[in-house]
Amino acid sequence: MITNKSRRAFFYRTLSVLTALKLTGCGGGGSGSGSSAVPVTAPSILAHPQDQSVRVGELATFVVDADGTPPLSYQWYRDGVAIPGASSSSYTVAVSSSSDAAVFSVVVSNAAGSAQSRGATLVVTVPATAPVILTQPSDSTVDEGDTATFQVNADGSAPLSYQWQRDGVDIPGANAPSYTTPVLSVGDDALFAVVVSNSAGSVRSRDAILSVSALSITVDSTAITVDSIQITVDST
């Protein structure tokens, strides 16, 4: 027969065993397993920064995607020189002139090592300037049988294209800063102009007046003197 006294003794023995097991598993001198070190993985580049082409006044942002055991640190470079304060996974450039063109890269590092991205090229494009006429074609008066040459001087972003017109009609093949007419005849009077254009726009010159004059022939008068001859007839 199990009495209450026996039950209490069994309970305390069981409690002692459980306590001993707990102390053995957690104690500093026991045989329980301790904490193991977590391996640190060096950074690797998952997505490199990409080349960009922007206009003056715009922003260019370069981004890198890297993997590795944190914390990861970043250092961006411009043409191989470290950029002060550029220490995040992205870097933004405010483009103010064509001199901002460069190659950008980033080094990602942690306690296990570092990885360098490829260089991303920043191309800066300057907005094209529409043409302006600096020197207008001049009027021309020539004699029939001659030719006339008209010229224009224009400025603007290259390349500039030219189209000469006669009385408002395009002249085929007349696509240079100057235009020379064929041999002219009386009645070939006309207005000549040129349209200068590029990717930003176009401008038309003034009309230059061509006047063709008829040739004038001048004959010098020459005095002709005829000596009188006297003929005598002797009749016998």
C-alpha atoms as a PDB file:
ATOM      1  CA  MET A   1       0.000   0.000   0.000  1.00  0.00           C
ATOM      2  CA  ILE A   2       1.412   3.425  -1.076  1.00  0.00           C
ATOM      3  CA  THR A   3       1.031   5.931   1.680  1.00  0.00           C
ATOM      4  CA  ASN A   4       1.069   9.705   1.437  1.00  0.00           C
ATOM      5  CA  LYS A   5       4.567   9.690   2.924  1.00  0.00           C
ATOM      6  CA  SER A   6       5.809   7.432   0.115  1.00  0.00           C
ATOM      7  CA  ARG A   7       4.214   9.697  -2.511  1.00  0.00           C
ATOM      8  CA  ARG A   8       5.967  12.755  -1.051  1.00  0.00           C
ATOM      9  CA  ALA A   9       9.342  10.997  -1.028  1.00  0.00           C
ATOM     10  CA  PHE A  10       8.941   9.942  -4.682  1.00  0.00           C
ATOM     11  CA  PHE A  11       8.003  13.475  -5.682  1.00  0.00           C
ATOM     12  CA  TYR A  12      11.073  15.025  -4.058  1.00  0.00           C
ATOM     13  CA  ARG A  13      13.406  12.424  -5.575  1.00  0.00           C
ATOM     14  CA  THR A  14      11.960  13.132  -9.024  1.00  0.00           C
ATOM     15  CA  LEU A  15      12.310  16.876  -8.519  1.00  0.00           C
ATOM     16  CA  SER A  16      15.944  16.439  -7.482  1.00  0.00           C
ATOM     17  CA  VAL A  17      16.726  14.417 -10.602  1.00  0.00           C
ATOM     18  CA  LEU A  18      15.121  17.011 -12.918  1.00  0.00           C
ATOM     19  CA  THR A  19      16.975  19.828 -11.207  1.00  0.00           C
ATOM     20  CA  ALA A  20      20.262  17.988 -11.551  1.00  0.00           C
ATOM     21  CA  LEU A  21      19.663  17.342 -15.252  1.00  0.00           C
ATOM     22  CA  LYS A  22      18.873  21.008 -15.864  1.00  0.00           C
ATOM     23  CA  LEU A  23      21.985  22.154 -14.058  1.00  0.00           C
ATOM     24  CA  THR A  24      24.133  19.692 -15.972  1.00  0.00           C
ATOM     25  CA  GLY A  25      22.846  20.873 -19.364  1.00  0.00           C
ATOM     26  CA  CYS A  26      23.225  24.606 -18.683  1.00  0.00           C
ATOM     27  CA  GLY A  27      26.195  24.824 -16.385  1.00  0.00           C
ATOM     28  CA  GLY A  28      29.487  26.293 -17.563  1.00  0.00           C
ATOM     29  CA  GLY A  29      31.394  23.110 -16.582  1.00  0.00           C
ATOM     30  CA  GLY A  30      28.896  20.611 -17.970  1.00  0.00           C
ATOM     31  CA  SER A  31      28.950  18.712 -21.209  1.00  0.00           C
ATOM     32  CA  GLY A  32      26.219  20.825 -22.939  1.00  0.00           C
ATOM     33  CA  SER A  33      26.997  22.357 -26.338  1.00  0.00           C
ATOM     34  CA  GLY A  34      28.162  26.010 -26.404  1.00  0.00           C
ATOM     35  CA  SER A  35      27.382  28.720 -29.000  1.00  0.00           C
ATOM     36  CA  SER A  36      29.044  28.268 -32.462  1.00  0.00           C
ATOM     37  CA  ALA A  37      30.435  31.202 -34.615  1.00  0.00           C
ATOM     38  CA  VAL A  38      28.347  32.296 -37.625  1.00  0.00           C
ATOM     39  CA  PRO A  39      30.477  32.316 -40.834  1.00  0.00           C
ATOM     40  CA  VAL A  40      30.951  35.755 -42.490  1.00  0.00           C
ATOM     41  CA  THR A  41      30.466  35.827 -46.271  1.00  0.00           C
ATOM     42  CA  ALA A  42      32.474  38.331 -48.324  1.00  0.00           C
ATOM     43  CA  PRO A  43      30.476  40.737 -50.544  1.00  0.00           C
ATOM     44  CA  SER A  44      29.560  39.868 -54.108  1.00  0.00           C
ATOM     45  CA  ILE A  45      28.077  42.180 -56.747  1.00  0.00           C
ATOM     46  CA  LEU A  46      24.629  41.054 -57.883  1.00  0.00           C
ATOM     47  CA  ALA A  47      23.848  44.038 -60.157  1.00  0.00           C
ATOM     48  CA  HIS A  48      26.494  46.465 -61.388  1.00  0.00           C
ATOM     49  CA  PRO A  49      25.881  50.211 -61.881  1.00  0.00           C
ATOM     50  CA  GLN A  50      24.783  50.991 -65.439  1.00  0.00           C
ATOM     51  CA  ASP A  51      26.068  53.473 -68.029  1.00  0.00           C
ATOM     52  CA  GLN A  52      24.006  56.647 -68.306  1.00  0.00           C
ATOM     53  CA  SER A  53      23.580  59.500 -70.786  1.00  0.00           C
ATOM     54  CA  VAL A  54      22.039  62.704 -69.466  1.00  0.00           C
ATOM     55  CA  ARG A  55      21.744  66.351 -70.495  1.00  0.00           C
ATOM     56  CA  VAL A  56      23.249  69.307 -68.710  1.00  0.00           C
ATOM     57  CA  GLY A  57      20.970  70.234 -65.798  1.00  0.00           C
ATOM     58  CA  GLU A  58      19.744  66.682 -65.190  1.00  0.00           C
ATOM     59  CA  LEU A  59      20.589  64.114 -62.507  1.00  0.00           C
ATOM     60  CA  ALA A  60      22.385  60.796 -63.003  1.00  0.00           C
ATOM     61  CA  THR A  61      21.968  58.083 -60.350  1.00  0.00           C
ATOM     62  CA  PHE A  62      24.151  54.987 -60.146  1.00  0.00           C
ATOM     63  CA  VAL A  63      22.956  51.984 -58.119  1.00  0.00           C
ATOM     64  CA  VAL A  64      24.675  48.776 -57.016  1.00  0.00           C
ATOM     65  CA  ASP A  65      23.079  45.613 -55.626  1.00  0.00           C
ATOM     66  CA  ALA A  66      25.416  43.540 -53.457  1.00  0.00           C
ATOM     67  CA  ASP A  67      25.155  40.461 -51.251  1.00  0.00           C
ATOM     68  CA  GLY A  68      27.207  39.398 -48.242  1.00  0.00           C
ATOM     69  CA  THR A  69      27.135  39.246 -44.470  1.00  0.00           C
ATOM     70  CA  PRO A  70      26.048  42.597 -43.043  1.00  0.00           C
ATOM     71  CA  PRO A  71      26.973  45.217 -42.307  1.00  0.00           C
ATOM     72  CA  LEU A  72      28.087  46.144 -45.833  1.00  0.00           C
ATOM     73  CA  SER A  73      29.949  49.398 -46.437  1.00  0.00           C
ATOM     74  CA  TYR A  74      30.129  51.287 -49.745  1.00  0.00           C
ATOM     75  CA  GLN A  75      32.627  53.684 -51.271  1.00  0.00           C
ATOM     76  CA  TRP A  76      31.981  55.249 -54.672  1.00  0.00           C
ATOM     77  CA  TYR A  77      34.781  56.353 -56.997  1.00  0.00           C
ATOM     78  CA  ARG A  78      34.942  58.877 -59.842  1.00  0.00           C
ATOM     79  CA  ASP A  79      37.653  58.063 -62.379  1.00  0.00           C
ATOM     80  CA  GLY A  80      39.343  55.946 -59.696  1.00  0.00           C
ATOM     81  CA  VAL A  81      39.296  58.637 -56.988  1.00  0.00           C
ATOM     82  CA  ALA A  82      37.185  58.141 -53.858  1.00  0.00           C
ATOM     83  CA  ILE A  83      34.213  60.522 -53.597  1.00  0.00           C
ATOM     84  CA  PRO A  84      33.942  61.959 -50.067  1.00  0.00           C
ATOM     85  CA  GLY A  85      30.657  61.047 -48.397  1.00  0.00           C
ATOM     86  CA  ALA A  86      29.556  58.694 -51.194  1.00  0.00           C
ATOM     87  CA  SER A  87      28.989  55.713 -48.919  1.00  0.00           C
ATOM     88  CA  SER A  88      25.596  54.216 -49.733  1.00  0.00           C
ATOM     89  CA  SER A  89      24.339  51.694 -52.265  1.00  0.00           C
ATOM     90  CA  SER A  90      23.521  54.507 -54.722  1.00  0.00           C
ATOM     91  CA  TYR A  91      25.199  57.729 -55.821  1.00  0.00           C
ATOM     92  CA  THR A  92      23.602  60.716 -57.587  1.00  0.00           C
ATOM     93  CA  VAL A  93      25.437  63.261 -59.734  1.00  0.00           C
ATOM     94  CA  ALA A  94      24.017  66.708 -60.512  1.00  0.00           C
ATOM     95  CA  VAL A  95      25.264  67.343 -64.054  1.00  0.00           C
ATOM     96  CA  SER A  96      26.100  71.009 -64.630  1.00  0.00           C
ATOM     97  CA  SER A  97      28.504  70.854 -67.582  1.00  0.00           C
ATOM     98  CA  SER A  98      30.102  68.491 -70.053  1.00  0.00           C
ATOM     99  CA  SER A  99      33.108  68.224 -67.704  1.00  0.00           C
ATOM    100  CA  ASP A 100      30.971  66.077 -65.364  1.00  0.00           C
ATOM    101  CA  ALA A 101      31.389  63.140 -67.739  1.00  0.00           C
ATOM    102  CA  ALA A 102      33.353  60.375 -65.979  1.00  0.00           C
ATOM    103  CA  VAL A 103      33.493  56.685 -65.049  1.00  0.00           C
ATOM    104  CA  PHE A 104      31.909  55.728 -61.717  1.00  0.00           C
ATOM    105  CA  SER A 105      32.464  52.547 -59.697  1.00  0.00           C
ATOM    106  CA  VAL A 106      31.873  51.338 -56.140  1.00  0.00           C
ATOM    107  CA  VAL A 107      33.698  49.084 -53.680  1.00  0.00           C
ATOM    108  CA  VAL A 108      31.498  47.051 -51.312  1.00  0.00           C
ATOM    109  CA  SER A 109      33.176  45.629 -48.213  1.00  0.00           C
ATOM    110  CA  ASN A 110      32.573  43.880 -44.897  1.00  0.00           C
ATOM    111  CA  ALA A 111      34.626  42.017 -42.294  1.00  0.00           C
ATOM    112  CA  ALA A 112      35.353  39.187 -44.750  1.00  0.00           C
ATOM    113  CA  GLY A 113      36.581  41.201 -47.724  1.00  0.00           C
ATOM    114  CA  SER A 114      35.505  43.502 -50.534  1.00  0.00           C
ATOM    115  CA  ALA A 115      34.211  43.487 -54.107  1.00  0.00           C
ATOM    116  CA  GLN A 116      34.545  46.179 -56.775  1.00  0.00           C
ATOM    117  CA  SER A 117      31.885  46.879 -59.380  1.00  0.00           C
ATOM    118  CA  ARG A 118      32.477  47.498 -63.061  1.00  0.00           C
ATOM    119  CA  GLY A 119      32.932  51.097 -64.151  1.00  0.00           C
ATOM    120  CA  ALA A 120      29.744  52.846 -65.296  1.00  0.00           C
ATOM    121  CA  THR A 121      30.258  55.588 -67.889  1.00  0.00           C
ATOM    122  CA  LEU A 122      28.433  58.900 -67.559  1.00  0.00           C
ATOM    123  CA  VAL A 123      27.939  60.627 -70.919  1.00  0.00           C
ATOM    124  CA  VAL A 124      26.877  64.283 -70.800  1.00  0.00           C
ATOM    125  CA  THR A 125      25.005  65.653 -73.810  1.00  0.00           C
ATOM    126  CA  VAL A 126      24.855  69.410 -74.391  1.00  0.00           C
ATOM    127  CA  PRO A 127      21.500  70.631 -75.773  1.00  0.00           C
ATOM    128  CA  ALA A 128      21.760  71.711 -79.404  1.00  0.00           C
ATOM    129  CA  THR A 129      21.654  75.438 -80.226  1.00  0.00           C
ATOM    130  CA  ALA A 130      19.416  76.517 -83.094  1.00  0.00           C
ATOM    131  CA  PRO A 131      21.130  78.245 -86.045  1.00  0.00           C
ATOM    132  CA  VAL A 132      21.494  82.027 -86.262  1.00  0.00           C
ATOM    133  CA  ILE A 133      22.502  84.060 -89.318  1.00  0.00           C
ATOM    134  CA  LEU A 134      25.702  86.029 -88.697  1.00  0.00           C
ATOM    135  CA  THR A 135      26.189  87.409 -92.204  1.00  0.00           C
ATOM    136  CA  GLN A 136      23.307  87.662 -94.675  1.00  0.00           C
ATOM    137  CA  PRO A 137      23.703  87.042 -98.422  1.00  0.00           C
ATOM    138  CA  SER A 138      24.195  90.296-100.337  1.00  0.00           C
ATOM    139  CA  ASP A 139      22.451  91.659-103.419  1.00  0.00           C
ATOM    140  CA  SER A 140      24.277  91.104-106.698  1.00  0.00           C
ATOM    141  CA  THR A 141      24.212  92.854-110.078  1.00  0.00           C
ATOM    142  CA  VAL A 142      25.963  91.099-112.969  1.00  0.00           C
ATOM    143  CA  ASP A 143      26.101  91.288-116.733  1.00  0.00           C
ATOM    144  CA  GLU A 144      24.481  88.695-118.902  1.00  0.00           C
ATOM    145  CA  GLY A 145      26.878  85.856-119.578  1.00  0.00           C
ATOM    146  CA  ASP A 146      28.287  86.014-116.053  1.00  0.00           C
ATOM    147  CA  THR A 147      27.474  84.045-112.877  1.00  0.00           C
ATOM    148  CA  ALA A 148      26.545  85.315-109.410  1.00  0.00           C
ATOM    149  CA  THR A 149      27.648  83.901-106.057  1.00  0.00           C
ATOM    150  CA  PHE A 150      25.694  84.254-102.812  1.00  0.00           C
ATOM    151  CA  GLN A 151      27.142  83.423 -99.388  1.00  0.00           C
ATOM    152  CA  VAL A 152      25.844  83.070 -95.836  1.00  0.00           C
ATOM    153  CA  ASN A 153      27.648  82.834 -92.501  1.00  0.00           C
ATOM    154  CA  ALA A 154      25.696  81.003 -89.783  1.00  0.00           C
ATOM    155  CA  ASP A 155      26.342  79.731 -86.275  1.00  0.00           C
ATOM    156  CA  GLY A 156      24.728  76.938 -84.239  1.00  0.00           C
ATOM    157  CA  SER A 157      25.289  73.379 -83.092  1.00  0.00           C
ATOM    158  CA  ALA A 158      26.855  71.192 -85.749  1.00  0.00           C
ATOM    159  CA  PRO A 159      26.043  69.747 -88.122  1.00  0.00           C
ATOM    160  CA  LEU A 160      24.390  72.635 -89.974  1.00  0.00           C
ATOM    161  CA  SER A 161      22.536  71.954 -93.226  1.00  0.00           C
ATOM    162  CA  TYR A 162      21.846  74.470 -95.990  1.00  0.00           C
ATOM    163  CA  GLN A 163      19.149  74.757 -98.631  1.00  0.00           C
ATOM    164  CA  TRP A 164      19.255  77.631-101.121  1.00  0.00           C
ATOM    165  CA  GLN A 165      16.075  78.884-102.722  1.00  0.00           C
ATOM    166  CA  ARG A 166      15.308  80.889-105.856  1.00  0.00           C
ATOM    167  CA  ASP A 167      12.100  82.880-105.562  1.00  0.00           C
ATOM    168  CA  GLY A 168      11.087  80.674-102.611  1.00  0.00           C
ATOM    169  CA  VAL A 169      11.655  77.370-104.428  1.00  0.00           C
ATOM    170  CA  ASP A 170      14.387  74.957-103.328  1.00  0.00           C
ATOM    171  CA  ILE A 171      17.315  74.680-105.741  1.00  0.00           C
ATOM    172  CA  PRO A 172      18.298  70.992-106.136  1.00  0.00           C
ATOM    173  CA  GLY A 173      21.825  70.296-104.906  1.00  0.00           C
ATOM    174  CA  ALA A 174      22.337  73.793-103.473  1.00  0.00           C
ATOM    175  CA  ASN A 175      23.315  72.644 -99.974  1.00  0.00           C
ATOM    176  CA  ALA A 176      26.470  74.560 -99.073  1.00  0.00           C
ATOM    177  CA  PRO A 177      27.128  77.877 -97.312  1.00  0.00           C
ATOM    178  CA  SER A 178      27.552  79.465-100.741  1.00  0.00           C
ATOM    179  CA  TYR A 179      25.708  79.141-104.047  1.00  0.00           C
ATOM    180  CA  THR A 180      26.859  80.069-107.555  1.00  0.00           C
ATOM    181  CA  THR A 181      24.288  80.445-110.309  1.00  0.00           C
ATOM    182  CA  PRO A 182      24.630  79.074-113.816  1.00  0.00           C
ATOM    183  CA  VAL A 183      25.553  81.522-116.586  1.00  0.00           C
ATOM    184  CA  LEU A 184      22.886  84.208-116.540  1.00  0.00           C
ATOM    185  CA  SER A 185      20.826  85.854-119.222  1.00  0.00           C
ATOM    186  CA  VAL A 186      18.735  88.986-119.292  1.00  0.00           C
ATOM    187  CA  GLY A 187      15.487  88.147-117.520  1.00  0.00           C
ATOM    188  CA  ASP A 188      17.114  85.874-114.928  1.00  0.00           C
ATOM    189  CA  ASP A 189      16.501  88.441-112.201  1.00  0.00           C
ATOM    190  CA  ALA A 190      15.354  86.683-109.002  1.00  0.00           C
ATOM    191  CA  LEU A 191      15.452  86.578-105.210  1.00  0.00           C
ATOM    192  CA  PHE A 192      17.881  84.167-103.544  1.00  0.00           C
ATOM    193  CA  ALA A 193      17.730  83.023 -99.898  1.00  0.00           C
ATOM    194  CA  VAL A 194      19.008  80.114 -97.825  1.00  0.00           C
ATOM    195  CA  VAL A 195      17.488  78.057 -94.999  1.00  0.00           C
ATOM    196  CA  VAL A 196      20.016  76.929 -92.375  1.00  0.00           C
ATOM    197  CA  SER A 197      18.904  74.117 -90.048  1.00  0.00           C
ATOM    198  CA  ASN A 198      20.050  71.590 -87.439  1.00  0.00           C
ATOM    199  CA  SER A 199      18.437  69.316 -84.866  1.00  0.00           C
ATOM    200  CA  ALA A 200      17.344  72.319 -82.771  1.00  0.00           C
ATOM    201  CA  GLY A 201      15.585  74.337 -85.472  1.00  0.00           C
ATOM    202  CA  SER A 202      16.056  76.409 -88.612  1.00  0.00           C
ATOM    203  CA  VAL A 203      16.393  80.008 -89.781  1.00  0.00           C
ATOM    204  CA  ARG A 204      15.864  81.638 -93.188  1.00  0.00           C
ATOM    205  CA  SER A 205      18.105  84.374 -94.492  1.00  0.00           C
ATOM    206  CA  ARG A 206      16.985  87.618 -96.091  1.00  0.00           C
ATOM    207  CA  ASP A 207      16.203  87.630 -99.798  1.00  0.00           C
ATOM    208  CA  ALA A 208      19.205  88.741-101.838  1.00  0.00           C
ATOM    209  CA  ILE A 209      18.287  90.496-105.097  1.00  0.00           C
ATOM    210  CA  LEU A 210      19.891  89.325-108.326  1.00  0.00           C
ATOM    211  CA  SER A 211      19.846  91.798-111.209  1.00  0.00           C
ATOM    212  CA  VAL A 212      21.133  90.832-114.670  1.00  0.00           C
ATOM    213  CA  SER A 213      22.116  93.666-117.017  1.00  0.00           C
ATOM    214  CA  ALA A 214      22.222  93.477-120.798  1.00  0.00           C
ATOM    215  CA  LEU A 215      25.616  93.901-122.400  1.00  0.00           C
ATOM    216  CA  SER A 216      26.123  97.329-123.976  1.00  0.00           C
ATOM    217  CA  ILE A 217      28.209  97.483-127.217  1.00  0.00           C
ATOM    218  CA  THR A 218      30.116 100.717-127.811  1.00  0.00           C
ATOM    219  CA  VAL A 219      31.457 101.395-131.316  1.00  0.00           C
ATOM    220  CA  ASP A 220      34.131 104.059-131.668  1.00  0.00           C
ATOM    221  CA  SER A 221      33.551 106.314-134.630  1.00  0.00           C
ATOM    222  CA  THR A 222      36.541 106.420-137.000  1.00  0.00           C
ATOM    223  CA  ALA A 223      37.004 109.274-139.450  1.00  0.00           C
ATOM    224  CA  ILE A 224      37.716 108.083-142.966  1.00  0.00           C
ATOM    225  CA  THR A 225      39.357 110.582-145.327  1.00  0.00           C
ATOM    226  CA  VAL A 226      39.318 109.967-149.058  1.00  0.00           C
ATOM    227  CA  ASP A 227      41.696 112.058-151.152  1.00  0.00           C
ATOM    228  CA  SER A 228      40.132 113.470-154.273  1.00  0.00           C
ATOM    229  CA  ILE A 229      41.651 112.248-157.492  1.00  0.00           C
ATOM    230  CA  GLN A 230      41.488 114.371-160.625  1.00  0.00           C
ATOM    231  CA  ILE A 231      41.393 112.504-163.865  1.00  0.00           C
ATOM    232  CA  THR A 232      42.089 114.380-167.103  1.00  0.00           C
ATOM    233  CA  VAL A 233      41.001 112.901-170.390  1.00  0.00           C
ATOM    234  CA  ASP A 234      42.768 114.194-173.429  1.00  0.00           C
ATOM    235  CA  SER A 235      40.733 113.736-176.516  1.00  0.00           C
ATOM    236  CA  THR A 236      42.378 114.147-179.823  1.00  0.00           C
END
